Amino acid sequence: MAGLNRRQFTVLLAVVAFIAVSLVLVAVVGGLRQPSSSAPVAATDAAAAAFRDQASDVQMSGAGVVERLLADDNDGSRHQRFILRLSSGQTVLVSHNIDIAPRVAGLAVGDSVEFHGVYEYNAEGGVIHWTHHDPDGSHVSGWLKHNGQLYQ
């Protein structure tokens, strides 16, 4: 290189190589970290692990079959409620805020429902909530999908 002697060029090359190796290491180590609780993960595995660990505030996506329809919860914000059986056999209560998102129309026992929401532990298998958009934009938006229709 013009203006650099052999020693300066060698030092410059070593610095560039060090920076390149450092960037690669940061990318590799960063990729090995466990996802945070707000990172979506597969529901069957995540719900089973969250239930086993009695964990809460776990963002997850998944699907299941409606096992039972429950009466709406009308205390405070109104919630449509139903029991969903995941492919693992675990059941979760889905509590869908119908003051923020539309009610899931035509929902029946045996229907398939996909979801993206937050898991909260309870002894019966857990609760999935935050299945709606966040009007304030401060929380990850969730959703339910039934018969090709998205509810959020």
Protein backbone atom coordinates (compact mmCIF):
# COMPACT_ATOMS: atom_id res chain seq x y z
CA MET A 1 0.00 0.00 0.00
CA ALA A 2 1.19 3.46 -0.84
CA GLY A 3 2.53 5.36 2.15
CA LEU A 4 2.83 2.29 4.43
CA ASN A 5 6.02 0.39 5.05
CA ARG A 6 5.99 -3.38 5.41
CA ARG A 7 5.73 -3.30 9.26
CA GLN A 8 2.81 -0.83 9.23
CA PHE A 9 1.01 -2.89 6.60
CA THR A 10 1.46 -6.07 8.70
CA VAL A 11 0.06 -4.32 11.81
CA LEU A 12 -2.88 -2.97 9.82
CA LEU A 13 -3.59 -6.42 8.40
CA ALA A 14 -3.46 -7.94 11.92
CA VAL A 15 -5.92 -5.32 13.25
CA VAL A 16 -8.36 -5.96 10.39
CA ALA A 17 -8.09 -9.74 10.95
CA PHE A 18 -8.69 -9.27 14.70
CA ILE A 19 -11.81 -7.19 14.03
CA ALA A 20 -13.13 -9.75 11.52
CA VAL A 21 -12.59 -12.67 13.94
CA SER A 22 -14.22 -10.67 16.77
CA LEU A 23 -17.30 -9.98 14.66
CA VAL A 24 -17.60 -13.66 13.76
CA LEU A 25 -17.30 -14.67 17.44
CA VAL A 26 -19.94 -12.14 18.48
CA ALA A 27 -22.31 -13.50 15.82
CA VAL A 28 -21.69 -17.13 16.85
CA VAL A 29 -21.96 -16.53 20.60
CA GLY A 30 -25.01 -14.30 20.09
CA GLY A 31 -26.68 -17.10 18.11
CA LEU A 32 -26.13 -19.57 20.97
CA ARG A 33 -28.02 -17.54 23.56
CA GLN A 34 -31.37 -18.86 24.71
CA PRO A 35 -34.35 -16.86 23.45
CA SER A 36 -35.83 -14.36 25.88
CA SER A 37 -39.29 -14.94 27.26
CA SER A 38 -40.66 -12.56 24.65
CA ALA A 39 -39.33 -14.62 21.72
CA PRO A 40 -41.98 -16.82 20.14
CA VAL A 41 -41.35 -20.56 20.40
CA ALA A 42 -43.27 -23.69 19.37
CA ALA A 43 -46.28 -24.02 21.66
CA THR A 44 -46.28 -27.76 22.37
CA ASP A 45 -42.69 -27.78 23.61
CA ALA A 46 -42.87 -24.33 25.16
CA ALA A 47 -46.18 -24.93 26.94
CA ALA A 48 -44.94 -28.27 28.29
CA ALA A 49 -41.69 -26.69 29.50
CA ALA A 50 -43.47 -23.66 30.96
CA PHE A 51 -45.95 -25.91 32.78
CA ARG A 52 -43.16 -28.15 34.09
CA ASP A 53 -41.13 -25.13 35.26
CA GLN A 54 -44.21 -23.27 36.53
CA ALA A 55 -43.11 -20.38 34.31
CA SER A 56 -45.18 -17.39 33.29
CA ASP A 57 -44.91 -14.51 30.83
CA VAL A 58 -43.74 -16.85 28.03
CA GLN A 59 -44.52 -15.61 24.51
CA MET A 60 -45.48 -18.52 22.24
CA SER A 61 -47.31 -19.53 19.09
CA GLY A 62 -49.06 -22.77 18.37
CA ALA A 63 -52.30 -24.56 17.62
CA GLY A 64 -54.77 -26.86 19.25
CA VAL A 65 -58.31 -28.21 19.14
CA VAL A 66 -61.17 -26.64 21.08
CA GLU A 67 -62.13 -29.04 23.84
CA ARG A 68 -64.66 -26.91 25.71
CA LEU A 69 -66.34 -23.53 25.34
CA LEU A 70 -66.69 -21.49 28.53
CA ALA A 71 -68.85 -18.52 29.45
CA ASP A 72 -67.31 -15.11 28.82
CA ASP A 73 -65.46 -13.50 31.71
CA ASN A 74 -67.22 -10.18 32.16
CA ASP A 75 -65.31 -8.95 35.22
CA GLY A 76 -63.30 -5.91 34.09
CA SER A 77 -62.29 -6.29 30.45
CA ARG A 78 -64.47 -8.87 28.73
CA HIS A 79 -62.79 -12.10 27.62
CA GLN A 80 -63.98 -14.94 25.40
CA ARG A 81 -62.79 -18.16 27.03
CA PHE A 82 -62.27 -21.71 25.82
CA ILE A 83 -60.13 -24.75 26.57
CA LEU A 84 -57.66 -25.71 23.85
CA ARG A 85 -55.98 -29.13 23.72
CA LEU A 86 -52.45 -29.00 22.29
CA SER A 87 -50.97 -31.88 20.30
CA SER A 88 -49.01 -32.92 23.41
CA GLY A 89 -52.30 -33.57 25.22
CA GLN A 90 -51.84 -30.58 27.52
CA THR A 91 -54.83 -28.27 27.83
CA VAL A 92 -54.67 -24.48 28.15
CA LEU A 93 -57.33 -21.90 28.84
CA VAL A 94 -57.44 -19.28 26.11
CA SER A 95 -58.61 -15.92 27.44
CA HIS A 96 -59.20 -13.60 24.45
CA ASN A 97 -59.91 -9.92 25.23
CA ILE A 98 -63.05 -9.03 23.27
CA ASP A 99 -62.96 -5.40 24.37
CA ILE A 100 -59.83 -5.01 22.21
CA ALA A 101 -60.19 -7.71 19.54
CA PRO A 102 -63.25 -9.20 17.81
CA ARG A 103 -64.84 -12.32 19.27
CA VAL A 104 -63.85 -15.52 17.44
CA ALA A 105 -67.00 -16.11 15.38
CA GLY A 106 -68.66 -19.52 15.13
CA LEU A 107 -66.21 -21.23 17.47
CA ALA A 108 -67.23 -24.83 18.28
CA VAL A 109 -65.87 -27.85 20.12
CA GLY A 110 -63.55 -29.76 17.78
CA ASP A 111 -62.45 -26.67 15.83
CA SER A 112 -58.76 -26.02 15.22
CA VAL A 113 -57.39 -22.71 16.49
CA GLU A 114 -53.94 -21.23 15.98
CA PHE A 115 -52.64 -18.69 18.47
CA HIS A 116 -49.89 -16.27 19.32
CA GLY A 117 -49.97 -15.01 22.89
CA VAL A 118 -48.48 -15.13 26.36
CA TYR A 119 -48.52 -18.26 28.55
CA GLU A 120 -49.18 -17.94 32.28
CA TYR A 121 -48.76 -20.95 34.57
CA ASN A 122 -51.59 -22.45 36.60
CA ALA A 123 -52.03 -25.96 38.00
CA GLU A 124 -54.63 -26.88 35.35
CA GLY A 125 -52.23 -26.48 32.41
CA GLY A 126 -51.90 -22.74 31.97
CA VAL A 127 -53.56 -19.74 30.38
CA ILE A 128 -52.88 -18.14 27.00
CA HIS A 129 -53.71 -14.42 26.91
CA TRP A 130 -52.54 -11.30 25.01
CA THR A 131 -54.14 -12.83 21.91
CA HIS A 132 -54.90 -9.35 20.53
CA HIS A 133 -53.12 -6.27 19.26
CA ASP A 134 -51.74 -3.83 21.82
CA PRO A 135 -53.48 -0.45 21.44
CA ASP A 136 -50.57 1.24 23.24
CA GLY A 137 -47.88 -0.47 21.14
CA SER A 138 -45.85 -1.40 24.23
CA HIS A 139 -46.40 -5.19 24.10
CA VAL A 140 -45.95 -7.84 21.42
CA SER A 141 -49.25 -8.17 19.60
CA GLY A 142 -51.00 -11.52 19.69
CA TRP A 143 -53.72 -13.15 17.63
CA LEU A 144 -56.05 -16.09 17.17
CA LYS A 145 -56.73 -17.76 13.81
CA HIS A 146 -59.90 -19.78 13.20
CA ASN A 147 -61.19 -21.03 9.84
CA GLY A 148 -58.67 -18.83 8.02
CA GLN A 149 -59.83 -15.65 9.83
CA LEU A 150 -57.32 -13.72 11.95
CA TYR A 151 -58.60 -12.11 15.17
CA GLN A 152 -56.41 -9.50 16.81
